[in-house]
């Protein structure tokens, strides 16, 4: 993979990157009902969740390392995983379908 995409760039390219492996850099929000990657710099963000991507992990025994994610909350991170468009029946991703896309994360590390 090349340099990480910004959140806004990943969202702009979503129609062509849907279901592909990506590397995205942004600010981690690891909070109740707000597990997402937000665009950096903040001055370029759209309102609400418009410049953010919901982060999810697969089903089963894999889960987030809550201690590590708590330490990275609010920090610039890079996430590698599969970028996904929202399910058509929901119209968005994540809690209350507020996010315009999701990334099925494989790795998350400080940028």
C-alpha atoms as a PDB file:
ATOM      1  CA  UNK A   1       0.000   0.000   0.000  1.00  0.00           C
ATOM      2  CA  UNK A   2       1.025   3.568  -0.554  1.00  0.00           C
ATOM      3  CA  UNK A   3       0.669   6.546   1.749  1.00  0.00           C
ATOM      4  CA  UNK A   4      -2.462   6.532   3.918  1.00  0.00           C
ATOM      5  CA  UNK A   5      -5.510   8.357   2.627  1.00  0.00           C
ATOM      6  CA  UNK A   6      -7.121  11.126   4.622  1.00  0.00           C
ATOM      7  CA  UNK A   7     -10.657  10.412   5.813  1.00  0.00           C
ATOM      8  CA  UNK A   8     -12.102  12.964   3.370  1.00  0.00           C
ATOM      9  CA  UNK A   9     -10.148  11.421   0.467  1.00  0.00           C
ATOM     10  CA  UNK A  10     -11.343   7.914   1.371  1.00  0.00           C
ATOM     11  CA  UNK A  11     -14.949   9.134   1.479  1.00  0.00           C
ATOM     12  CA  UNK A  12     -14.581  10.953  -1.852  1.00  0.00           C
ATOM     13  CA  UNK A  13     -13.176   7.778  -3.428  1.00  0.00           C
ATOM     14  CA  UNK A  14     -15.696   5.460  -1.723  1.00  0.00           C
ATOM     15  CA  UNK A  15     -17.519   4.526  -4.957  1.00  0.00           C
ATOM     16  CA  UNK A  16     -14.275   3.119  -6.399  1.00  0.00           C
ATOM     17  CA  UNK A  17     -12.711   1.876  -3.133  1.00  0.00           C
ATOM     18  CA  UNK A  18     -15.768   0.065  -1.745  1.00  0.00           C
ATOM     19  CA  UNK A  19     -14.795  -3.405  -0.441  1.00  0.00           C
ATOM     20  CA  UNK A  20     -11.085  -2.826  -1.097  1.00  0.00           C
ATOM     21  CA  UNK A  21      -8.142  -2.744   1.287  1.00  0.00           C
ATOM     22  CA  UNK A  22      -7.175   0.764   2.342  1.00  0.00           C
ATOM     23  CA  UNK A  23      -4.928   2.584   4.760  1.00  0.00           C
ATOM     24  CA  UNK A  24      -6.564   5.673   6.296  1.00  0.00           C
ATOM     25  CA  UNK A  25      -5.096   8.269   8.672  1.00  0.00           C
ATOM     26  CA  UNK A  26      -7.216  10.327  11.065  1.00  0.00           C
ATOM     27  CA  UNK A  27      -8.079  11.149  14.654  1.00  0.00           C
ATOM     28  CA  UNK A  28      -9.402   8.195  16.642  1.00  0.00           C
ATOM     29  CA  UNK A  29     -12.611   8.592  18.625  1.00  0.00           C
ATOM     30  CA  UNK A  30     -12.915   5.613  20.972  1.00  0.00           C
ATOM     31  CA  UNK A  31     -15.986   6.471  22.970  1.00  0.00           C
ATOM     32  CA  UNK A  32     -19.412   4.990  23.685  1.00  0.00           C
ATOM     33  CA  UNK A  33     -21.434   5.093  20.432  1.00  0.00           C
ATOM     34  CA  UNK A  34     -18.599   6.962  18.681  1.00  0.00           C
ATOM     35  CA  UNK A  35     -15.982   4.477  17.483  1.00  0.00           C
ATOM     36  CA  UNK A  36     -14.696   6.244  14.418  1.00  0.00           C
ATOM     37  CA  UNK A  37     -11.843   7.848  12.546  1.00  0.00           C
ATOM     38  CA  UNK A  38     -12.224  11.626  11.993  1.00  0.00           C
ATOM     39  CA  UNK A  39     -10.557  13.730   9.325  1.00  0.00           C
ATOM     40  CA  UNK A  40      -7.374  15.593  10.202  1.00  0.00           C
ATOM     41  CA  UNK A  41      -6.893  18.549  10.155  1.00  0.00           C
ATOM     42  CA  UNK A  42     -10.042  19.532  11.981  1.00  0.00           C
ATOM     43  CA  UNK A  43     -10.339  22.758   9.940  1.00  0.00           C
ATOM     44  CA  UNK A  44     -11.207  20.657   6.859  1.00  0.00           C
ATOM     45  CA  UNK A  45     -13.968  18.619   8.508  1.00  0.00           C
ATOM     46  CA  UNK A  46     -17.589  18.662   7.398  1.00  0.00           C
ATOM     47  CA  UNK A  47     -20.316  19.032  10.024  1.00  0.00           C
ATOM     48  CA  UNK A  48     -21.410  16.112  12.179  1.00  0.00           C
ATOM     49  CA  UNK A  49     -20.082  12.751  11.043  1.00  0.00           C
ATOM     50  CA  UNK A  50     -19.646  13.845   7.415  1.00  0.00           C
ATOM     51  CA  UNK A  51     -15.854  13.649   7.670  1.00  0.00           C
ATOM     52  CA  UNK A  52     -15.575  10.434   9.643  1.00  0.00           C
ATOM     53  CA  UNK A  53     -15.584   6.686   9.105  1.00  0.00           C
ATOM     54  CA  UNK A  54     -17.045   4.145  11.543  1.00  0.00           C
ATOM     55  CA  UNK A  55     -14.507   1.527  12.695  1.00  0.00           C
ATOM     56  CA  UNK A  56     -15.589  -2.078  13.113  1.00  0.00           C
ATOM     57  CA  UNK A  57     -13.953  -5.454  13.694  1.00  0.00           C
ATOM     58  CA  UNK A  58     -15.115  -8.860  12.530  1.00  0.00           C
ATOM     59  CA  UNK A  59     -17.435 -11.137  14.412  1.00  0.00           C
ATOM     60  CA  UNK A  60     -16.187 -13.829  16.742  1.00  0.00           C
ATOM     61  CA  UNK A  61     -13.305 -13.770  19.154  1.00  0.00           C
ATOM     62  CA  UNK A  62     -11.528 -10.746  17.653  1.00  0.00           C
ATOM     63  CA  UNK A  63     -12.257  -7.462  19.363  1.00  0.00           C
ATOM     64  CA  UNK A  64     -10.697  -4.094  20.139  1.00  0.00           C
ATOM     65  CA  UNK A  65      -7.897  -3.836  22.675  1.00  0.00           C
ATOM     66  CA  UNK A  66      -9.832  -1.375  24.829  1.00  0.00           C
ATOM     67  CA  UNK A  67      -6.804  -0.309  26.877  1.00  0.00           C
ATOM     68  CA  UNK A  68      -4.712   0.462  23.784  1.00  0.00           C
ATOM     69  CA  UNK A  69      -7.610   2.216  22.025  1.00  0.00           C
ATOM     70  CA  UNK A  70      -8.324   4.307  25.127  1.00  0.00           C
ATOM     71  CA  UNK A  71      -4.694   5.465  25.129  1.00  0.00           C
ATOM     72  CA  UNK A  72      -4.987   6.390  21.426  1.00  0.00           C
ATOM     73  CA  UNK A  73      -8.322   8.192  21.799  1.00  0.00           C
ATOM     74  CA  UNK A  74      -7.968  11.697  20.335  1.00  0.00           C
ATOM     75  CA  UNK A  75      -4.623  10.850  18.711  1.00  0.00           C
ATOM     76  CA  UNK A  76      -3.633  10.667  15.047  1.00  0.00           C
ATOM     77  CA  UNK A  77      -3.721   6.997  13.995  1.00  0.00           C
ATOM     78  CA  UNK A  78      -3.558   4.878  10.873  1.00  0.00           C
ATOM     79  CA  UNK A  79      -6.134   2.143  10.280  1.00  0.00           C
ATOM     80  CA  UNK A  80      -5.685  -0.609   7.709  1.00  0.00           C
ATOM     81  CA  UNK A  81      -8.701  -2.586   6.615  1.00  0.00           C
ATOM     82  CA  UNK A  82     -11.548  -2.969   4.158  1.00  0.00           C
ATOM     83  CA  UNK A  83     -13.498   0.177   3.312  1.00  0.00           C
ATOM     84  CA  UNK A  84     -17.251  -0.399   3.083  1.00  0.00           C
ATOM     85  CA  UNK A  85     -20.221   1.569   1.809  1.00  0.00           C
ATOM     86  CA  UNK A  86     -23.331   1.560   3.979  1.00  0.00           C
ATOM     87  CA  UNK A  87     -25.911  -1.194   3.614  1.00  0.00           C
ATOM     88  CA  UNK A  88     -28.629   0.213   1.354  1.00  0.00           C
ATOM     89  CA  UNK A  89     -31.348  -0.703   3.871  1.00  0.00           C
ATOM     90  CA  UNK A  90     -29.728   1.498   6.555  1.00  0.00           C
ATOM     91  CA  UNK A  91     -28.314   4.415   4.585  1.00  0.00           C
ATOM     92  CA  UNK A  92     -25.343   4.809   6.911  1.00  0.00           C
ATOM     93  CA  UNK A  93     -22.887   2.927   9.090  1.00  0.00           C
ATOM     94  CA  UNK A  94     -22.359   2.620  12.815  1.00  0.00           C
ATOM     95  CA  UNK A  95     -24.551   3.749  15.670  1.00  0.00           C
ATOM     96  CA  UNK A  96     -27.880   5.057  14.350  1.00  0.00           C
ATOM     97  CA  UNK A  97     -26.406   4.871  10.811  1.00  0.00           C
ATOM     98  CA  UNK A  98     -24.754   8.270  11.264  1.00  0.00           C
ATOM     99  CA  UNK A  99     -21.473   7.548   9.441  1.00  0.00           C
ATOM    100  CA  UNK A 100     -21.126   7.671   5.638  1.00  0.00           C
ATOM    101  CA  UNK A 101     -18.818   4.616   5.519  1.00  0.00           C
ATOM    102  CA  UNK A 102     -17.147   1.974   7.661  1.00  0.00           C
ATOM    103  CA  UNK A 103     -13.759   0.324   7.733  1.00  0.00           C
ATOM    104  CA  UNK A 104     -13.403  -3.300   8.832  1.00  0.00           C
ATOM    105  CA  UNK A 105     -10.125  -2.806  10.674  1.00  0.00           C
ATOM    106  CA  UNK A 106      -7.206  -5.236  10.670  1.00  0.00           C
ATOM    107  CA  UNK A 107      -4.656  -2.935  12.253  1.00  0.00           C
ATOM    108  CA  UNK A 108      -4.772   0.327  14.184  1.00  0.00           C
ATOM    109  CA  UNK A 109      -1.583   2.117  15.178  1.00  0.00           C
ATOM    110  CA  UNK A 110      -0.356   5.547  16.112  1.00  0.00           C
ATOM    111  CA  UNK A 111       0.590   7.575  13.046  1.00  0.00           C
END
